[in-house]
């Protein structure tokens, strides 16, 4: 009889263990199935997943010294901050200052130096997920950055890196962390970085194959630099397709701004800049031909509102690969083959603030005064937009046979080197 009882107890124990195991498995399966997917995370901010209690302990709700700013500009992946309104005549007091970011969750410090150019400031693409407080130094005294008027900027999305992007929230508001039960004493500035998969309608790079551009003033098509030895519309489009293919090898999403039979211009709702803004690109790459008979090799034009950082990197890469660039530069801070775009002049010969090339002027948003130049059709809808990093790559001169021959002999190598420079600069 005792042996029977022991056997019954063992059976009961086995049964209970089995039920518990099944129950645990069911719960685990439910939790696994109901976990947030990558698509679910698209609607989430880093603040939705943060340890609120820790955040409450770590955030500085007040700071003894503060530094008031009035403006900011986004150009490519760079966020620049200004003491005065952007575009003022006098040198901004933020120029030369360090901008210090503290990730409140782990106390890590990242610093950037602003030198007054649109491609200097906070490199958003390099930031890791987190909530960042912003500081600067005023005469060696650490001061907390704040804005007089509260705001929450439109979301900034970085380039794809390892199949992920970062959404950047730039906000200055006493109530920025109200949902986390944190009340600030001033409109202190924060940068909130959230990492997730990219949205399908957001591009990284747009490529403008120059030529075949509608001139809205004359209602005619500007074919471009076309001669017996080089046809700009055709050659530019062929090169654009090669560059696109190379960029896509690095996981970037690329859009070519015109098809073979299209003639979009540089203004209006269906112009090339408009198409680029709608694509939410970070880089606007124009590929065109020169008409200067003295140009014997490729060169690059960059906005004078930048440090020419991207163009300098590409020049360096091309030099390392043994490729020839036109031996010219605008200043000693630029590498060979890197030139600043020139400014237009008014009827009296006075130099204005507007760049000559629409591929650079109309694509940089506020940073390059998009939508303000001219008296007829403008891109006014984009004058306050985040700017794309603009680069004009002049691959050959249509009036110089030596230049055309060099390009045709090195077309593939130039395309690959151009892409290598872009990848190196943006650290994709």
Protein backbone atom coordinates (compact mmCIF):
# COMPACT_ATOMS: atom_id res chain seq x y z
CA UNK A 1 0.00 0.00 0.00
CA UNK A 2 2.83 2.49 0.80
CA UNK A 3 4.41 1.92 -2.60
CA UNK A 4 1.08 2.75 -4.31
CA UNK A 5 0.83 6.05 -2.38
CA UNK A 6 4.36 7.03 -3.37
CA UNK A 7 3.58 6.32 -7.01
CA UNK A 8 0.38 8.41 -6.84
CA UNK A 9 2.30 11.33 -5.28
CA UNK A 10 4.92 11.11 -8.00
CA UNK A 11 2.23 11.17 -10.69
CA UNK A 12 0.59 14.18 -9.09
CA UNK A 13 3.90 15.98 -8.82
CA UNK A 14 4.65 15.25 -12.47
CA UNK A 15 1.23 16.50 -13.48
CA UNK A 16 1.63 19.77 -11.55
CA UNK A 17 5.10 20.30 -13.01
CA UNK A 18 3.71 19.75 -16.49
CA UNK A 19 0.88 22.22 -15.96
CA UNK A 20 3.26 24.85 -14.61
CA UNK A 21 5.63 24.32 -17.53
CA UNK A 22 2.82 24.70 -20.04
CA UNK A 23 1.54 27.80 -18.26
CA UNK A 24 5.01 29.41 -18.28
CA UNK A 25 5.42 28.56 -21.95
CA UNK A 26 2.05 30.13 -22.77
CA UNK A 27 2.93 33.31 -20.85
CA UNK A 28 6.35 33.54 -22.53
CA UNK A 29 4.79 32.99 -25.95
CA UNK A 30 2.25 35.73 -25.22
CA UNK A 31 4.92 38.16 -24.07
CA UNK A 32 7.08 37.36 -27.09
CA UNK A 33 4.17 37.84 -29.48
CA UNK A 34 3.07 41.09 -27.84
CA UNK A 35 6.55 42.64 -27.62
CA UNK A 36 7.04 45.92 -29.52
CA UNK A 37 8.08 45.26 -33.10
CA UNK A 38 10.40 47.49 -35.12
CA UNK A 39 7.30 48.95 -36.77
CA UNK A 40 5.77 49.68 -33.35
CA UNK A 41 8.94 51.54 -32.37
CA UNK A 42 8.51 53.96 -35.26
CA UNK A 43 5.91 55.81 -33.21
CA UNK A 44 7.96 55.68 -30.01
CA UNK A 45 10.41 58.17 -28.58
CA UNK A 46 13.37 57.26 -26.42
CA UNK A 47 11.39 58.83 -23.58
CA UNK A 48 8.71 56.14 -23.98
CA UNK A 49 11.19 53.44 -22.97
CA UNK A 50 13.36 55.26 -20.45
CA UNK A 51 13.56 54.44 -16.72
CA UNK A 52 11.50 57.39 -15.46
CA UNK A 53 12.71 57.20 -11.86
CA UNK A 54 16.33 57.30 -12.98
CA UNK A 55 15.58 60.14 -15.38
CA UNK A 56 13.99 62.13 -12.55
CA UNK A 57 17.12 61.65 -10.47
CA UNK A 58 19.56 62.54 -13.24
CA UNK A 59 18.03 65.57 -14.98
CA UNK A 60 19.21 68.98 -13.81
CA UNK A 61 15.96 70.89 -13.33
CA UNK A 62 17.86 74.13 -12.70
CA UNK A 63 21.38 75.42 -13.13
CA UNK A 64 23.17 78.34 -11.48
CA UNK A 65 24.42 79.93 -14.71
CA UNK A 66 22.54 80.00 -18.01
CA UNK A 67 23.17 81.14 -21.58
CA UNK A 68 20.31 82.35 -23.75
CA UNK A 69 20.14 81.53 -27.46
CA UNK A 70 17.69 82.81 -30.06
CA UNK A 71 18.03 80.64 -33.14
CA UNK A 72 19.16 77.39 -34.73
CA UNK A 73 19.75 76.03 -38.24
CA UNK A 74 19.85 72.46 -39.56
CA UNK A 75 22.10 71.70 -42.55
CA UNK A 76 22.45 68.07 -43.55
CA UNK A 77 23.10 66.32 -40.24
CA UNK A 78 24.47 69.41 -38.48
CA UNK A 79 22.59 71.46 -35.89
CA UNK A 80 24.04 74.95 -35.41
CA UNK A 81 23.04 77.23 -32.53
CA UNK A 82 23.01 81.03 -32.53
CA UNK A 83 23.07 83.76 -29.91
CA UNK A 84 21.29 86.10 -32.31
CA UNK A 85 18.93 85.53 -35.22
CA UNK A 86 20.52 83.67 -38.10
CA UNK A 87 21.62 85.99 -40.90
CA UNK A 88 22.42 89.00 -38.76
CA UNK A 89 25.29 91.16 -40.03
CA UNK A 90 27.44 90.95 -36.92
CA UNK A 91 29.49 87.90 -35.96
CA UNK A 92 27.44 85.62 -33.77
CA UNK A 93 28.71 85.27 -30.19
CA UNK A 94 28.39 81.48 -30.36
CA UNK A 95 31.16 81.40 -32.95
CA UNK A 96 34.22 79.77 -31.42
CA UNK A 97 32.24 78.38 -28.48
CA UNK A 98 32.18 74.77 -27.41
CA UNK A 99 28.76 73.13 -27.24
CA UNK A 100 28.74 70.43 -24.57
CA UNK A 101 26.15 67.65 -24.53
CA UNK A 102 25.58 65.55 -21.40
CA UNK A 103 23.70 62.28 -21.80
CA UNK A 104 21.75 62.39 -18.58
CA UNK A 105 21.28 58.61 -18.33
CA UNK A 106 24.99 57.73 -18.28
CA UNK A 107 26.72 61.12 -17.75
CA UNK A 108 28.75 60.73 -20.96
CA UNK A 109 30.00 64.01 -22.40
CA UNK A 110 30.22 64.97 -26.08
CA UNK A 111 31.48 68.36 -27.25
CA UNK A 112 31.42 70.23 -30.55
CA UNK A 113 32.94 73.53 -31.64
CA UNK A 114 30.92 76.03 -33.66
CA UNK A 115 32.97 78.18 -36.06
CA UNK A 116 30.11 80.02 -37.70
CA UNK A 117 29.64 77.76 -40.73
CA UNK A 118 26.56 75.67 -41.47
CA UNK A 119 28.47 72.37 -41.40
CA UNK A 120 29.96 73.03 -37.97
CA UNK A 121 28.10 72.57 -34.71
CA UNK A 122 26.42 69.45 -33.36
CA UNK A 123 26.99 66.36 -35.50
CA UNK A 124 23.62 64.67 -35.03
CA UNK A 125 24.61 61.52 -36.89
CA UNK A 126 27.28 60.73 -34.29
CA UNK A 127 24.98 60.90 -31.26
CA UNK A 128 23.91 57.73 -29.44
CA UNK A 129 20.41 57.17 -28.12
CA UNK A 130 19.64 59.23 -25.07
CA UNK A 131 18.44 62.47 -23.51
CA UNK A 132 21.03 65.25 -23.74
CA UNK A 133 21.33 68.49 -21.79
CA UNK A 134 23.13 71.32 -23.59
CA UNK A 135 25.82 73.56 -22.11
CA UNK A 136 28.40 76.05 -23.31
CA UNK A 137 31.32 77.92 -21.77
CA UNK A 138 31.24 81.69 -21.42
CA UNK A 139 34.65 82.99 -20.33
CA UNK A 140 35.47 79.53 -18.94
CA UNK A 141 32.23 79.43 -16.94
CA UNK A 142 29.92 76.51 -17.68
CA UNK A 143 26.43 77.72 -18.53
CA UNK A 144 23.19 75.89 -19.32
CA UNK A 145 21.73 76.65 -22.77
CA UNK A 146 18.14 77.87 -22.84
CA UNK A 147 15.77 79.79 -25.14
CA UNK A 148 13.54 82.69 -24.18
CA UNK A 149 10.62 81.31 -26.18
CA UNK A 150 9.60 77.68 -25.80
CA UNK A 151 9.56 75.46 -28.90
CA UNK A 152 9.71 71.89 -30.15
CA UNK A 153 11.48 71.64 -33.50
CA UNK A 154 10.32 69.44 -36.33
CA UNK A 155 11.90 65.97 -36.12
CA UNK A 156 15.29 65.59 -37.80
CA UNK A 157 16.08 62.17 -39.28
CA UNK A 158 19.68 61.13 -39.87
CA UNK A 159 21.12 59.02 -42.67
CA UNK A 160 20.84 55.24 -42.63
CA UNK A 161 23.66 53.49 -40.81
CA UNK A 162 23.55 49.71 -40.39
CA UNK A 163 19.92 49.74 -41.59
CA UNK A 164 18.89 52.13 -38.80
CA UNK A 165 18.27 55.87 -38.53
CA UNK A 166 18.02 58.27 -35.62
CA UNK A 167 15.15 60.63 -35.04
CA UNK A 168 16.32 63.80 -33.36
CA UNK A 169 13.98 65.86 -31.18
CA UNK A 170 15.31 69.33 -30.41
CA UNK A 171 13.24 71.03 -27.75
CA UNK A 172 13.50 73.95 -25.35
CA UNK A 173 10.57 74.11 -22.97
CA UNK A 174 9.97 74.21 -19.21
CA UNK A 175 7.42 71.46 -19.79
CA UNK A 176 9.61 69.33 -22.07
CA UNK A 177 9.62 66.48 -19.53
CA UNK A 178 6.23 67.13 -17.96
CA UNK A 179 4.97 63.64 -18.82
CA UNK A 180 7.89 62.27 -16.80
CA UNK A 181 6.88 64.52 -13.89
CA UNK A 182 9.96 66.70 -14.27
CA UNK A 183 9.48 70.47 -14.08
CA UNK A 184 12.27 72.73 -15.33
CA UNK A 185 12.87 76.30 -14.14
CA UNK A 186 13.68 77.65 -17.63
CA UNK A 187 13.23 76.66 -21.27
CA UNK A 188 16.38 74.58 -21.13
CA UNK A 189 17.42 72.94 -24.41
CA UNK A 190 17.37 69.17 -24.81
CA UNK A 191 18.25 66.82 -27.65
CA UNK A 192 16.44 63.48 -27.55
CA UNK A 193 17.83 60.76 -29.81
CA UNK A 194 15.72 57.74 -30.78
CA UNK A 195 17.06 54.91 -32.95
CA UNK A 196 14.78 52.82 -35.17
CA UNK A 197 14.31 51.39 -38.67
CA UNK A 198 13.89 54.00 -41.42
CA UNK A 199 10.60 54.99 -42.98
CA UNK A 200 10.25 54.05 -46.62
CA UNK A 201 9.54 57.61 -47.80
CA UNK A 202 12.72 59.09 -46.27
CA UNK A 203 15.81 59.23 -48.52
CA UNK A 204 19.44 59.77 -47.62
CA UNK A 205 20.84 61.17 -50.85
CA UNK A 206 19.30 62.79 -53.90
CA UNK A 207 21.27 63.09 -57.15
CA UNK A 208 20.66 65.86 -59.65
CA UNK A 209 21.87 64.97 -63.16
CA UNK A 210 22.36 68.51 -64.44
CA UNK A 211 21.15 69.63 -67.84
CA UNK A 212 17.67 69.63 -69.40
CA UNK A 213 16.40 72.16 -66.87
CA UNK A 214 13.27 74.21 -67.53
CA UNK A 215 13.94 77.95 -67.53
CA UNK A 216 10.71 79.42 -66.22
CA UNK A 217 11.59 82.99 -67.22
CA UNK A 218 11.93 82.17 -70.90
CA UNK A 219 9.66 79.12 -70.82
CA UNK A 220 12.35 77.10 -72.54
CA UNK A 221 14.61 74.18 -71.68
CA UNK A 222 18.22 74.91 -70.78
CA UNK A 223 20.03 71.89 -72.24
CA UNK A 224 23.24 72.73 -70.41
CA UNK A 225 26.88 72.34 -71.40
CA UNK A 226 26.45 70.36 -74.58
CA UNK A 227 29.04 70.26 -77.36
CA UNK A 228 30.26 67.88 -80.05
CA UNK A 229 32.48 66.11 -77.49
CA UNK A 230 30.12 65.94 -74.48
CA UNK A 231 26.37 66.09 -73.94
CA UNK A 232 25.70 67.17 -70.34
CA UNK A 233 22.12 65.84 -69.90
CA UNK A 234 23.03 62.35 -71.13
CA UNK A 235 26.44 62.10 -69.46
CA UNK A 236 25.14 63.41 -66.13
CA UNK A 237 22.33 60.87 -66.03
CA UNK A 238 24.66 57.97 -66.82
CA UNK A 239 27.03 59.08 -64.05
CA UNK A 240 24.10 59.55 -61.63
CA UNK A 241 23.04 55.93 -62.13
CA UNK A 242 26.59 54.72 -61.45
CA UNK A 243 26.87 56.80 -58.27
CA UNK A 244 23.44 55.67 -57.10
CA UNK A 245 24.42 52.02 -57.49
CA UNK A 246 27.61 52.57 -55.49
CA UNK A 247 25.83 54.44 -52.68
CA UNK A 248 23.20 51.72 -52.38
CA UNK A 249 25.94 49.18 -51.67
CA UNK A 250 26.31 50.96 -48.29
CA UNK A 251 22.62 50.65 -47.49
CA UNK A 252 21.71 54.24 -48.40
CA UNK A 253 18.41 55.13 -50.05
CA UNK A 254 19.05 57.24 -53.13
CA UNK A 255 16.74 59.12 -55.50
CA UNK A 256 17.65 60.51 -58.94
CA UNK A 257 15.75 63.76 -59.46
CA UNK A 258 14.94 63.47 -63.15
CA UNK A 259 14.34 60.76 -65.71
CA UNK A 260 15.77 60.78 -69.21
CA UNK A 261 12.79 62.53 -70.81
CA UNK A 262 12.03 64.95 -67.96
CA UNK A 263 12.97 68.63 -67.78
CA UNK A 264 12.30 69.81 -64.20
CA UNK A 265 13.84 73.18 -63.34
CA UNK A 266 15.05 74.58 -60.02
CA UNK A 267 11.92 76.40 -58.87
CA UNK A 268 8.32 75.61 -58.14
CA UNK A 269 6.38 72.69 -56.70
CA UNK A 270 7.86 70.15 -59.12
CA UNK A 271 11.35 71.58 -59.34
CA UNK A 272 14.42 69.55 -58.45
CA UNK A 273 14.90 71.20 -55.04
CA UNK A 274 11.21 70.64 -54.23
CA UNK A 275 11.53 66.97 -55.12
CA UNK A 276 14.61 66.77 -52.88
CA UNK A 277 12.91 68.43 -49.89
CA UNK A 278 9.94 66.08 -50.23
CA UNK A 279 12.35 63.15 -50.17
CA UNK A 280 13.73 64.48 -46.84
CA UNK A 281 17.28 63.91 -48.07
CA UNK A 282 20.38 64.91 -46.14
CA UNK A 283 22.69 65.28 -49.15
CA UNK A 284 21.97 67.00 -52.46
CA UNK A 285 24.56 65.86 -55.00
CA UNK A 286 24.57 67.71 -58.32
CA UNK A 287 26.53 66.21 -61.22
CA UNK A 288 27.26 68.66 -64.01
CA UNK A 289 29.65 69.74 -66.72
CA UNK A 290 31.62 72.97 -66.98
CA UNK A 291 31.90 75.21 -70.03
CA UNK A 292 35.26 76.67 -69.02
CA UNK A 293 37.82 75.70 -71.64
CA UNK A 294 40.62 76.07 -69.07
CA UNK A 295 39.23 73.28 -66.88
CA UNK A 296 41.15 70.09 -67.66
CA UNK A 297 39.93 67.85 -64.82
CA UNK A 298 37.00 67.48 -62.37
CA UNK A 299 36.41 69.92 -59.52
CA UNK A 300 33.79 70.59 -56.84
CA UNK A 301 31.69 73.59 -55.89
CA UNK A 302 30.55 73.97 -52.30
CA UNK A 303 28.50 76.58 -50.49
CA UNK A 304 30.50 79.52 -49.06
CA UNK A 305 28.31 79.11 -45.97
CA UNK A 306 30.14 75.86 -45.19
CA UNK A 307 33.65 74.77 -44.27
CA UNK A 308 33.78 72.63 -47.43
CA UNK A 309 34.20 69.60 -45.16
CA UNK A 310 32.51 67.14 -47.51
CA UNK A 311 34.31 68.39 -50.62
CA UNK A 312 37.66 68.35 -48.80
CA UNK A 313 37.11 64.73 -47.80
CA UNK A 314 36.24 63.72 -51.36
CA UNK A 315 39.30 65.57 -52.68
CA UNK A 316 41.50 63.72 -50.18
CA UNK A 317 40.06 60.33 -51.18
CA UNK A 318 40.48 61.03 -54.89
CA UNK A 319 44.08 62.12 -54.36
CA UNK A 320 44.83 58.92 -52.42
CA UNK A 321 43.36 56.89 -55.27
CA UNK A 322 45.59 58.64 -57.82
CA UNK A 323 42.82 60.63 -59.51
CA UNK A 324 43.42 64.12 -60.88
CA UNK A 325 41.39 67.17 -59.87
CA UNK A 326 41.54 70.66 -61.35
CA UNK A 327 44.42 72.44 -59.55
CA UNK A 328 42.42 75.28 -58.05
CA UNK A 329 40.85 76.21 -54.72
CA UNK A 330 39.19 79.25 -53.24
CA UNK A 331 41.23 79.45 -50.01
CA UNK A 332 43.97 77.66 -48.10
CA UNK A 333 41.51 75.72 -45.92
CA UNK A 334 40.31 73.84 -49.00
CA UNK A 335 41.95 70.90 -50.72
CA UNK A 336 42.82 70.91 -54.41
CA UNK A 337 39.80 70.92 -56.69
CA UNK A 338 37.49 72.50 -54.09
CA UNK A 339 35.97 75.90 -54.86
CA UNK A 340 33.34 78.05 -53.20
CA UNK A 341 30.30 79.04 -55.17
CA UNK A 342 30.29 82.76 -55.99
CA UNK A 343 27.69 85.31 -54.86
CA UNK A 344 25.37 87.11 -57.26
CA UNK A 345 25.53 90.89 -57.72
CA UNK A 346 22.67 93.33 -57.96
CA UNK A 347 22.21 95.87 -60.76
CA UNK A 348 24.69 98.24 -59.11
CA UNK A 349 27.40 95.62 -58.77
CA UNK A 350 26.80 95.13 -55.04
CA UNK A 351 27.49 91.59 -53.84
CA UNK A 352 24.40 89.99 -52.31
CA UNK A 353 24.10 87.09 -49.85
CA UNK A 354 22.70 84.73 -52.49
CA UNK A 355 24.83 82.07 -54.17
CA UNK A 356 24.98 81.78 -57.94
CA UNK A 357 24.23 78.06 -58.39
CA UNK A 358 20.61 77.10 -57.56
CA UNK A 359 21.84 73.53 -56.91
CA UNK A 360 23.50 74.93 -53.77
CA UNK A 361 21.45 78.03 -52.96
CA UNK A 362 17.99 76.46 -53.27
CA UNK A 363 18.77 73.22 -51.43
CA UNK A 364 20.31 74.38 -48.15
CA UNK A 365 17.09 75.67 -46.55
CA UNK A 366 17.53 78.59 -44.17
CA UNK A 367 21.30 78.11 -44.14
CA UNK A 368 21.65 79.21 -47.80
CA UNK A 369 18.62 81.54 -48.00
CA UNK A 370 16.48 79.24 -50.09
CA UNK A 371 13.40 80.80 -51.68
CA UNK A 372 14.45 84.43 -51.28
CA UNK A 373 16.38 85.17 -54.47
CA UNK A 374 14.71 86.47 -57.61
CA UNK A 375 11.50 88.29 -58.37
CA UNK A 376 9.43 85.69 -60.18
CA UNK A 377 8.99 82.02 -59.31
CA UNK A 378 10.66 81.13 -56.01
CA UNK A 379 10.92 78.23 -53.60
CA UNK A 380 9.33 80.26 -50.82
CA UNK A 381 7.74 77.19 -49.27
CA UNK A 382 11.21 75.92 -48.30
CA UNK A 383 12.80 79.13 -46.99
CA UNK A 384 12.51 77.92 -43.37
CA UNK A 385 13.21 74.26 -44.10
CA UNK A 386 16.05 72.12 -42.83
CA UNK A 387 18.79 72.29 -45.41
CA UNK A 388 20.45 69.50 -47.34
CA UNK A 389 24.22 69.40 -47.57
CA UNK A 390 24.83 70.62 -51.11
CA UNK A 391 27.69 69.58 -53.39
CA UNK A 392 28.20 70.29 -57.10
CA UNK A 393 30.61 67.86 -58.76
CA UNK A 394 31.79 69.17 -62.14
CA UNK A 395 33.06 65.98 -63.71
CA UNK A 396 34.39 67.51 -66.97
CA UNK A 397 34.46 70.58 -69.20
CA UNK A 398 32.39 70.19 -72.35
CA UNK A 399 34.72 72.62 -74.17
CA UNK A 400 38.02 70.97 -73.24
CA UNK A 401 38.85 67.72 -75.06
CA UNK A 402 41.58 66.83 -72.54
CA UNK A 403 39.03 67.08 -69.73
CA UNK A 404 36.43 64.99 -71.58
CA UNK A 405 39.00 62.31 -72.44
CA UNK A 406 40.15 62.14 -68.82
CA UNK A 407 36.58 61.77 -67.61
CA UNK A 408 35.70 59.03 -70.11
CA UNK A 409 38.87 57.10 -69.20
CA UNK A 410 38.19 57.36 -65.44
CA UNK A 411 34.38 57.49 -65.22
CA UNK A 412 33.97 54.40 -63.03
CA UNK A 413 36.93 55.26 -60.79
CA UNK A 414 35.60 58.80 -60.25
CA UNK A 415 32.13 57.48 -59.37
CA UNK A 416 33.55 55.05 -56.81
CA UNK A 417 35.91 57.64 -55.29
CA UNK A 418 33.11 60.20 -55.07
CA UNK A 419 31.02 57.70 -53.13
CA UNK A 420 33.95 56.66 -50.92
CA UNK A 421 34.43 60.30 -49.94
CA UNK A 422 30.75 60.69 -49.07
CA UNK A 423 30.78 57.51 -47.00
CA UNK A 424 33.94 58.61 -45.18
CA UNK A 425 32.59 62.09 -44.38
CA UNK A 426 29.24 60.90 -43.04
CA UNK A 427 30.83 57.82 -41.39
CA UNK A 428 28.21 55.52 -42.85
